[in-house]
Amino acid sequence: MRQVVALVIPAWNEAEAIGAVLREVPAAAVERIFVVVGSQTDPTAGVARAHGAEVLVQHRRGYGAACWTGAQAACAAGAEVVAFLDGDYADPPADLPRLLGPLAAGQADLVLGCRDVRHAPSAMPRHARLGNALVCGVIWLAYGRRYADLPSFKAIRADALHQLGMAEMTYGWTVEMLAKAARAGLRVEQVDVRYRPRLGGRSKVGGSLGGSLAAAASLLRCAVRYTAWQPPASARAPLPSVR
């Protein structure tokens, strides 16, 4: 039986890119698309609506808050799987079926779209890659789980997402998800995707050395924060296979 999939796209001031992103989403892969913007005045909203997406306005600042706003709407709409990707065009929506496949087959609870920058090295500056590798290394040491990336592009079963009790409303969202996934024993698969340059603007985090350093420090603190976290007792049993 086919899963109900909702796609969540945080997109702040991405009017230049969001149309191209939405045009590349495989229509057969998702039932609902939620684009989350920071304010009603963000021109991204009008472009997203013109391309058939449902637009949500987050009421709290932060990347995690945007993801959580979209995830709540997706689950309320009956989604069994929630996928996430950024609205700047760097994540390739055409790869969604590759991420959804292991979930549909019952082989994974969370699938990561790990960024392959070999074909476009400039899409992810060296300092951003180093910071990413450092945080992944700390997660490996603290949780015993090797992750190749901290990607914005990912898909997770709705019941698994609920189990994680997400709390980070800033850029620590992905680190929290991966740390708690390790603690909860979720089955995680990693799929390489061809990362590409963003369309217009500059990354809020990786676009500068200072931004990358500040983000890395915040993410390292986040990685350590959940070492003692335990999933709720009622959620510790293995998740059932997807049928």
C-alpha atoms as a PDB file:
ATOM      1  CA  MET A   1       0.000   0.000   0.000  1.00  0.00           C
ATOM      2  CA  ARG A   2       1.400   3.389  -1.010  1.00  0.00           C
ATOM      3  CA  GLN A   3       2.347   5.752   1.803  1.00  0.00           C
ATOM      4  CA  VAL A   4       0.917   9.247   2.113  1.00  0.00           C
ATOM      5  CA  VAL A   5       3.887  11.603   1.740  1.00  0.00           C
ATOM      6  CA  ALA A   6       4.051  15.309   2.510  1.00  0.00           C
ATOM      7  CA  LEU A   7       6.983  17.527   1.532  1.00  0.00           C
ATOM      8  CA  VAL A   8       8.056  20.431   3.755  1.00  0.00           C
ATOM      9  CA  ILE A   9      10.198  23.200   2.254  1.00  0.00           C
ATOM     10  CA  PRO A  10      11.536  25.964   4.554  1.00  0.00           C
ATOM     11  CA  ALA A  11      12.038  28.940   2.229  1.00  0.00           C
ATOM     12  CA  TRP A  12      12.822  32.421   3.496  1.00  0.00           C
ATOM     13  CA  ASN A  13      13.365  35.049   0.828  1.00  0.00           C
ATOM     14  CA  GLU A  14      13.764  32.404  -1.866  1.00  0.00           C
ATOM     15  CA  ALA A  15      11.438  33.912  -4.501  1.00  0.00           C
ATOM     16  CA  GLU A  16      14.194  33.481  -7.104  1.00  0.00           C
ATOM     17  CA  ALA A  17      14.502  29.765  -6.474  1.00  0.00           C
ATOM     18  CA  ILE A  18      11.246  28.344  -5.142  1.00  0.00           C
ATOM     19  CA  GLY A  19       9.513  28.147  -8.521  1.00  0.00           C
ATOM     20  CA  ALA A  20      12.323  26.056  -9.986  1.00  0.00           C
ATOM     21  CA  VAL A  21      12.333  23.833  -6.891  1.00  0.00           C
ATOM     22  CA  LEU A  22       8.599  23.170  -7.073  1.00  0.00           C
ATOM     23  CA  ARG A  23       8.691  22.460 -10.797  1.00  0.00           C
ATOM     24  CA  GLU A  24      11.172  19.649 -10.138  1.00  0.00           C
ATOM     25  CA  VAL A  25       9.155  17.886  -7.432  1.00  0.00           C
ATOM     26  CA  PRO A  26       7.943  14.572  -8.934  1.00  0.00           C
ATOM     27  CA  ALA A  27       4.155  14.859  -8.877  1.00  0.00           C
ATOM     28  CA  ALA A  28       3.690  11.157  -8.214  1.00  0.00           C
ATOM     29  CA  ALA A  29       6.006  11.180  -5.192  1.00  0.00           C
ATOM     30  CA  VAL A  30       4.071  13.434  -2.792  1.00  0.00           C
ATOM     31  CA  GLU A  31       0.459  14.210  -1.916  1.00  0.00           C
ATOM     32  CA  ARG A  32       0.982  17.591  -0.242  1.00  0.00           C
ATOM     33  CA  ILE A  33       3.667  20.273  -0.459  1.00  0.00           C
ATOM     34  CA  PHE A  34       4.047  22.816   2.341  1.00  0.00           C
ATOM     35  CA  VAL A  35       6.306  25.830   1.804  1.00  0.00           C
ATOM     36  CA  VAL A  36       7.109  27.590   5.077  1.00  0.00           C
ATOM     37  CA  VAL A  37       7.982  31.281   4.960  1.00  0.00           C
ATOM     38  CA  GLY A  38       9.045  33.710   7.656  1.00  0.00           C
ATOM     39  CA  SER A  39       6.379  36.351   7.102  1.00  0.00           C
ATOM     40  CA  GLN A  40       3.275  37.165   5.091  1.00  0.00           C
ATOM     41  CA  THR A  41       5.265  39.786   3.173  1.00  0.00           C
ATOM     42  CA  ASP A  42       7.900  37.351   1.903  1.00  0.00           C
ATOM     43  CA  PRO A  43       7.503  37.290  -1.912  1.00  0.00           C
ATOM     44  CA  THR A  44       8.395  33.602  -1.794  1.00  0.00           C
ATOM     45  CA  ALA A  45       4.816  32.931  -0.680  1.00  0.00           C
ATOM     46  CA  GLY A  46       3.209  34.244  -3.867  1.00  0.00           C
ATOM     47  CA  VAL A  47       5.534  32.285  -6.120  1.00  0.00           C
ATOM     48  CA  ALA A  48       4.964  29.103  -4.112  1.00  0.00           C
ATOM     49  CA  ARG A  49       1.176  29.455  -4.297  1.00  0.00           C
ATOM     50  CA  ALA A  50       1.378  30.059  -8.032  1.00  0.00           C
ATOM     51  CA  HIS A  51       3.118  26.682  -8.329  1.00  0.00           C
ATOM     52  CA  GLY A  52       0.459  24.854  -6.339  1.00  0.00           C
ATOM     53  CA  ALA A  53       2.121  24.656  -2.912  1.00  0.00           C
ATOM     54  CA  GLU A  54       0.375  25.307   0.386  1.00  0.00           C
ATOM     55  CA  VAL A  55       2.040  28.213   2.170  1.00  0.00           C
ATOM     56  CA  LEU A  56       2.513  28.355   5.942  1.00  0.00           C
ATOM     57  CA  VAL A  57       3.901  31.251   7.973  1.00  0.00           C
ATOM     58  CA  GLN A  58       6.019  30.239  10.940  1.00  0.00           C
ATOM     59  CA  HIS A  59       5.245  32.087  14.162  1.00  0.00           C
ATOM     60  CA  ARG A  60       8.673  31.584  15.736  1.00  0.00           C
ATOM     61  CA  ARG A  61      12.044  32.376  14.214  1.00  0.00           C
ATOM     62  CA  GLY A  62      14.475  29.636  13.250  1.00  0.00           C
ATOM     63  CA  TYR A  63      15.099  26.834  10.786  1.00  0.00           C
ATOM     64  CA  GLY A  64      13.836  24.188  13.168  1.00  0.00           C
ATOM     65  CA  ALA A  65      10.701  26.215  13.794  1.00  0.00           C
ATOM     66  CA  ALA A  66      10.042  26.282  10.048  1.00  0.00           C
ATOM     67  CA  CYS A  67      10.535  22.524   9.772  1.00  0.00           C
ATOM     68  CA  TRP A  68       8.317  21.900  12.787  1.00  0.00           C
ATOM     69  CA  THR A  69       5.564  24.181  11.458  1.00  0.00           C
ATOM     70  CA  GLY A  70       5.529  22.194   8.234  1.00  0.00           C
ATOM     71  CA  ALA A  71       5.787  18.828   9.992  1.00  0.00           C
ATOM     72  CA  GLN A  72       2.815  19.599  12.228  1.00  0.00           C
ATOM     73  CA  ALA A  73       0.711  20.575   9.214  1.00  0.00           C
ATOM     74  CA  ALA A  74       1.831  17.454   7.348  1.00  0.00           C
ATOM     75  CA  CYS A  75       0.939  15.112  10.199  1.00  0.00           C
ATOM     76  CA  ALA A  76      -2.399  16.865  10.758  1.00  0.00           C
ATOM     77  CA  ALA A  77      -3.121  16.245   7.060  1.00  0.00           C
ATOM     78  CA  GLY A  78      -2.561  12.515   7.524  1.00  0.00           C
ATOM     79  CA  ALA A  79       0.989  12.166   6.191  1.00  0.00           C
ATOM     80  CA  GLU A  80       2.671   8.857   6.986  1.00  0.00           C
ATOM     81  CA  VAL A  81       6.042  10.135   5.766  1.00  0.00           C
ATOM     82  CA  VAL A  82       7.370  13.672   6.002  1.00  0.00           C
ATOM     83  CA  ALA A  83      10.146  14.752   3.648  1.00  0.00           C
ATOM     84  CA  PHE A  84      12.212  17.914   3.993  1.00  0.00           C
ATOM     85  CA  LEU A  85      14.364  19.846   1.537  1.00  0.00           C
ATOM     86  CA  ASP A  86      15.565  23.433   1.305  1.00  0.00           C
ATOM     87  CA  GLY A  87      13.991  26.030  -0.955  1.00  0.00           C
ATOM     88  CA  ASP A  88      17.193  27.429  -2.437  1.00  0.00           C
ATOM     89  CA  TYR A  89      17.450  24.823  -5.271  1.00  0.00           C
ATOM     90  CA  ALA A  90      20.606  23.156  -3.893  1.00  0.00           C
ATOM     91  CA  ASP A  91      18.712  19.977  -2.922  1.00  0.00           C
ATOM     92  CA  PRO A  92      17.507  18.103  -6.055  1.00  0.00           C
ATOM     93  CA  PRO A  93      13.765  17.283  -5.680  1.00  0.00           C
ATOM     94  CA  ALA A  94      14.020  14.721  -8.494  1.00  0.00           C
ATOM     95  CA  ASP A  95      15.836  12.445  -6.031  1.00  0.00           C
ATOM     96  CA  LEU A  96      12.823  12.244  -3.703  1.00  0.00           C
ATOM     97  CA  PRO A  97      11.818   8.760  -4.948  1.00  0.00           C
ATOM     98  CA  ARG A  98      15.291   7.476  -4.045  1.00  0.00           C
ATOM     99  CA  LEU A  99      14.851   8.708  -0.463  1.00  0.00           C
ATOM    100  CA  LEU A 100      11.312   7.436  -0.170  1.00  0.00           C
ATOM    101  CA  GLY A 101      12.112   3.973  -1.505  1.00  0.00           C
ATOM    102  CA  PRO A 102      13.709   2.507   1.664  1.00  0.00           C
ATOM    103  CA  LEU A 103      10.807   3.853   3.751  1.00  0.00           C
ATOM    104  CA  ALA A 104       8.183   2.331   1.472  1.00  0.00           C
ATOM    105  CA  ALA A 105      10.044  -0.983   1.505  1.00  0.00           C
ATOM    106  CA  GLY A 106      10.105  -1.082   5.310  1.00  0.00           C
ATOM    107  CA  GLN A 107      13.902  -0.962   5.361  1.00  0.00           C
ATOM    108  CA  ALA A 108      14.338   2.384   7.126  1.00  0.00           C
ATOM    109  CA  ASP A 109      12.659   4.841   9.480  1.00  0.00           C
ATOM    110  CA  LEU A 110      14.774   7.816   8.372  1.00  0.00           C
ATOM    111  CA  VAL A 111      16.598   8.383   5.083  1.00  0.00           C
ATOM    112  CA  LEU A 112      19.238  11.073   4.629  1.00  0.00           C
ATOM    113  CA  GLY A 113      19.991  12.711   1.295  1.00  0.00           C
ATOM    114  CA  CYS A 114      23.725  13.182   1.809  1.00  0.00           C
ATOM    115  CA  ARG A 115      25.275  15.969  -0.232  1.00  0.00           C
ATOM    116  CA  ASP A 116      27.654  14.873  -2.978  1.00  0.00           C
ATOM    117  CA  VAL A 117      29.552  18.005  -4.002  1.00  0.00           C
ATOM    118  CA  ARG A 118      32.080  16.391  -6.344  1.00  0.00           C
ATOM    119  CA  HIS A 119      30.317  17.782  -9.408  1.00  0.00           C
ATOM    120  CA  ALA A 120      29.839  21.278  -7.916  1.00  0.00           C
ATOM    121  CA  PRO A 121      32.460  21.927  -5.203  1.00  0.00           C
ATOM    122  CA  SER A 122      31.490  25.592  -4.961  1.00  0.00           C
ATOM    123  CA  ALA A 123      27.967  24.629  -3.854  1.00  0.00           C
ATOM    124  CA  MET A 124      29.323  23.953  -0.361  1.00  0.00           C
ATOM    125  CA  PRO A 125      32.349  26.033   0.705  1.00  0.00           C
ATOM    126  CA  ARG A 126      35.309  24.213   2.201  1.00  0.00           C
ATOM    127  CA  HIS A 127      34.801  25.777   5.633  1.00  0.00           C
ATOM    128  CA  ALA A 128      31.182  24.573   5.669  1.00  0.00           C
ATOM    129  CA  ARG A 129      32.301  21.062   4.737  1.00  0.00           C
ATOM    130  CA  LEU A 130      34.905  21.027   7.500  1.00  0.00           C
ATOM    131  CA  GLY A 131      32.381  22.166  10.095  1.00  0.00           C
ATOM    132  CA  ASN A 132      29.932  19.537   8.904  1.00  0.00           C
ATOM    133  CA  ALA A 133      32.557  16.798   9.148  1.00  0.00           C
ATOM    134  CA  LEU A 134      33.538  17.927  12.653  1.00  0.00           C
ATOM    135  CA  VAL A 135      29.980  17.714  13.946  1.00  0.00           C
ATOM    136  CA  CYS A 136      29.470  14.317  12.288  1.00  0.00           C
ATOM    137  CA  GLY A 137      32.655  13.127  13.996  1.00  0.00           C
ATOM    138  CA  VAL A 138      31.405  14.234  17.402  1.00  0.00           C
ATOM    139  CA  ILE A 139      28.099  12.432  16.810  1.00  0.00           C
ATOM    140  CA  TRP A 140      30.023   9.264  15.933  1.00  0.00           C
ATOM    141  CA  LEU A 141      32.072   9.490  19.137  1.00  0.00           C
ATOM    142  CA  ALA A 142      29.095  10.366  21.337  1.00  0.00           C
ATOM    143  CA  TYR A 143      26.470   8.066  19.835  1.00  0.00           C
ATOM    144  CA  GLY A 144      28.377   5.376  17.938  1.00  0.00           C
ATOM    145  CA  ARG A 145      26.552   6.173  14.716  1.00  0.00           C
ATOM    146  CA  ARG A 146      28.387   7.210  11.561  1.00  0.00           C
ATOM    147  CA  TYR A 147      26.584   9.848   9.511  1.00  0.00           C
ATOM    148  CA  ALA A 148      28.158  11.141   6.325  1.00  0.00           C
ATOM    149  CA  ASP A 149      26.304  14.460   6.419  1.00  0.00           C
ATOM    150  CA  LEU A 150      23.881  16.721   8.280  1.00  0.00           C
ATOM    151  CA  PRO A 151      21.567  17.207   5.330  1.00  0.00           C
ATOM    152  CA  SER A 152      18.501  19.381   4.944  1.00  0.00           C
ATOM    153  CA  PHE A 153      17.222  16.781   2.445  1.00  0.00           C
ATOM    154  CA  LYS A 154      15.702  13.868   4.373  1.00  0.00           C
ATOM    155  CA  ALA A 155      12.548  11.813   4.818  1.00  0.00           C
ATOM    156  CA  ILE A 156      11.209  10.264   8.003  1.00  0.00           C
ATOM    157  CA  ARG A 157       8.231   8.187   9.006  1.00  0.00           C
ATOM    158  CA  ALA A 158       5.670  10.321  10.830  1.00  0.00           C
ATOM    159  CA  ASP A 159       5.504   7.927  13.784  1.00  0.00           C
ATOM    160  CA  ALA A 160       9.294   8.014  14.115  1.00  0.00           C
ATOM    161  CA  LEU A 161       9.298  11.809  14.005  1.00  0.00           C
ATOM    162  CA  HIS A 162       6.696  11.865  16.767  1.00  0.00           C
ATOM    163  CA  GLN A 163       8.851   9.483  18.805  1.00  0.00           C
ATOM    164  CA  LEU A 164      11.803  11.887  18.678  1.00  0.00           C
ATOM    165  CA  GLY A 165       9.969  14.768  20.403  1.00  0.00           C
ATOM    166  CA  MET A 166      11.828  17.444  18.455  1.00  0.00           C
ATOM    167  CA  ALA A 167      12.696  20.564  20.455  1.00  0.00           C
ATOM    168  CA  GLU A 168      15.455  22.437  18.581  1.00  0.00           C
ATOM    169  CA  MET A 169      13.896  25.389  16.771  1.00  0.00           C
ATOM    170  CA  THR A 170      17.120  26.767  15.243  1.00  0.00           C
ATOM    171  CA  TYR A 171      19.805  25.180  13.043  1.00  0.00           C
ATOM    172  CA  GLY A 172      20.221  22.380  15.571  1.00  0.00           C
ATOM    173  CA  TRP A 173      17.105  20.664  14.178  1.00  0.00           C
ATOM    174  CA  THR A 174      19.001  18.178  11.991  1.00  0.00           C
ATOM    175  CA  VAL A 175      21.639  17.413  14.620  1.00  0.00           C
ATOM    176  CA  GLU A 176      18.920  16.782  17.197  1.00  0.00           C
ATOM    177  CA  MET A 177      17.119  14.463  14.777  1.00  0.00           C
ATOM    178  CA  LEU A 178      20.245  12.412  14.052  1.00  0.00           C
ATOM    179  CA  ALA A 179      21.345  12.262  17.693  1.00  0.00           C
ATOM    180  CA  LYS A 180      17.927  11.150  18.881  1.00  0.00           C
ATOM    181  CA  ALA A 181      17.591   8.712  15.984  1.00  0.00           C
ATOM    182  CA  ALA A 182      20.754   7.042  17.238  1.00  0.00           C
ATOM    183  CA  ARG A 183      19.504   6.969  20.833  1.00  0.00           C
ATOM    184  CA  ALA A 184      16.111   5.608  19.748  1.00  0.00           C
ATOM    185  CA  GLY A 185      17.655   2.899  17.561  1.00  0.00           C
ATOM    186  CA  LEU A 186      15.954   4.090  14.392  1.00  0.00           C
ATOM    187  CA  ARG A 187      16.968   2.456  11.137  1.00  0.00           C
ATOM    188  CA  VAL A 188      18.766   5.125   9.139  1.00  0.00           C
ATOM    189  CA  GLU A 189      19.805   4.834   5.504  1.00  0.00           C
ATOM    190  CA  GLN A 190      22.003   7.317   3.667  1.00  0.00           C
ATOM    191  CA  VAL A 191      21.597   8.095  -0.022  1.00  0.00           C
ATOM    192  CA  ASP A 192      24.038  10.271  -1.963  1.00  0.00           C
ATOM    193  CA  VAL A 193      22.395  13.107  -3.886  1.00  0.00           C
ATOM    194  CA  ARG A 194      24.060  15.477  -6.322  1.00  0.00           C
ATOM    195  CA  TYR A 195      24.186  18.781  -4.460  1.00  0.00           C
ATOM    196  CA  ARG A 196      24.197  21.892  -6.640  1.00  0.00           C
ATOM    197  CA  PRO A 197      24.640  25.687  -6.374  1.00  0.00           C
ATOM    198  CA  ARG A 198      21.732  27.651  -4.950  1.00  0.00           C
ATOM    199  CA  LEU A 199      19.749  30.010  -7.179  1.00  0.00           C
ATOM    200  CA  GLY A 200      20.350  33.553  -5.988  1.00  0.00           C
ATOM    201  CA  GLY A 201      21.113  34.891  -2.541  1.00  0.00           C
ATOM    202  CA  ARG A 202      23.599  33.474  -0.073  1.00  0.00           C
ATOM    203  CA  SER A 203      23.339  30.724   2.491  1.00  0.00           C
ATOM    204  CA  LYS A 204      22.356  31.959   5.931  1.00  0.00           C
ATOM    205  CA  VAL A 205      24.937  29.636   7.520  1.00  0.00           C
ATOM    206  CA  GLY A 206      27.512  28.360   5.039  1.00  0.00           C
ATOM    207  CA  GLY A 207      27.775  31.573   3.052  1.00  0.00           C
ATOM    208  CA  SER A 208      30.519  33.021   5.251  1.00  0.00           C
ATOM    209  CA  LEU A 209      33.368  31.755   7.414  1.00  0.00           C
ATOM    210  CA  GLY A 210      31.967  33.529  10.471  1.00  0.00           C
ATOM    211  CA  GLY A 211      28.524  32.061   9.904  1.00  0.00           C
ATOM    212  CA  SER A 212      29.948  28.572   9.503  1.00  0.00           C
ATOM    213  CA  LEU A 213      32.053  28.839  12.670  1.00  0.00           C
ATOM    214  CA  ALA A 214      29.132  30.119  14.727  1.00  0.00           C
ATOM    215  CA  ALA A 215      26.872  27.400  13.351  1.00  0.00           C
ATOM    216  CA  ALA A 216      29.461  24.679  14.006  1.00  0.00           C
ATOM    217  CA  ALA A 217      29.829  25.773  17.635  1.00  0.00           C
ATOM    218  CA  SER A 218      26.064  25.745  18.102  1.00  0.00           C
ATOM    219  CA  LEU A 219      25.710  22.358  16.451  1.00  0.00           C
ATOM    220  CA  LEU A 220      28.481  20.855  18.576  1.00  0.00           C
ATOM    221  CA  ARG A 221      26.670  21.969  21.730  1.00  0.00           C
ATOM    222  CA  CYS A 222      23.507  20.444  20.347  1.00  0.00           C
ATOM    223  CA  ALA A 223      25.265  17.161  19.555  1.00  0.00           C
ATOM    224  CA  VAL A 224      26.364  16.823  23.171  1.00  0.00           C
ATOM    225  CA  ARG A 225      23.017  17.931  24.637  1.00  0.00           C
ATOM    226  CA  TYR A 226      21.136  14.737  23.805  1.00  0.00           C
ATOM    227  CA  THR A 227      23.645  12.111  24.928  1.00  0.00           C
ATOM    228  CA  ALA A 228      21.452  11.278  27.942  1.00  0.00           C
ATOM    229  CA  TRP A 229      18.155  11.520  26.071  1.00  0.00           C
ATOM    230  CA  GLN A 230      15.884   8.480  26.092  1.00  0.00           C
ATOM    231  CA  PRO A 231      12.798   7.950  23.918  1.00  0.00           C
ATOM    232  CA  PRO A 232       9.493   7.799  25.813  1.00  0.00           C
ATOM    233  CA  ALA A 233       8.983   4.394  27.401  1.00  0.00           C
ATOM    234  CA  SER A 234       5.929   3.731  25.240  1.00  0.00           C
ATOM    235  CA  ALA A 235       7.994   4.355  22.106  1.00  0.00           C
ATOM    236  CA  ARG A 236      11.017   2.152  22.819  1.00  0.00           C
ATOM    237  CA  ALA A 237       9.695  -0.925  21.069  1.00  0.00           C
ATOM    238  CA  PRO A 238      10.950  -1.329  17.495  1.00  0.00           C
ATOM    239  CA  LEU A 239       8.790   0.431  14.941  1.00  0.00           C
ATOM    240  CA  PRO A 240       6.677  -1.916  12.825  1.00  0.00           C
ATOM    241  CA  SER A 241       7.649  -2.554   9.222  1.00  0.00           C
ATOM    242  CA  VAL A 242       5.919  -0.491   6.593  1.00  0.00           C
ATOM    243  CA  ARG A 243       3.373  -2.549   4.651  1.00  0.00           C
END
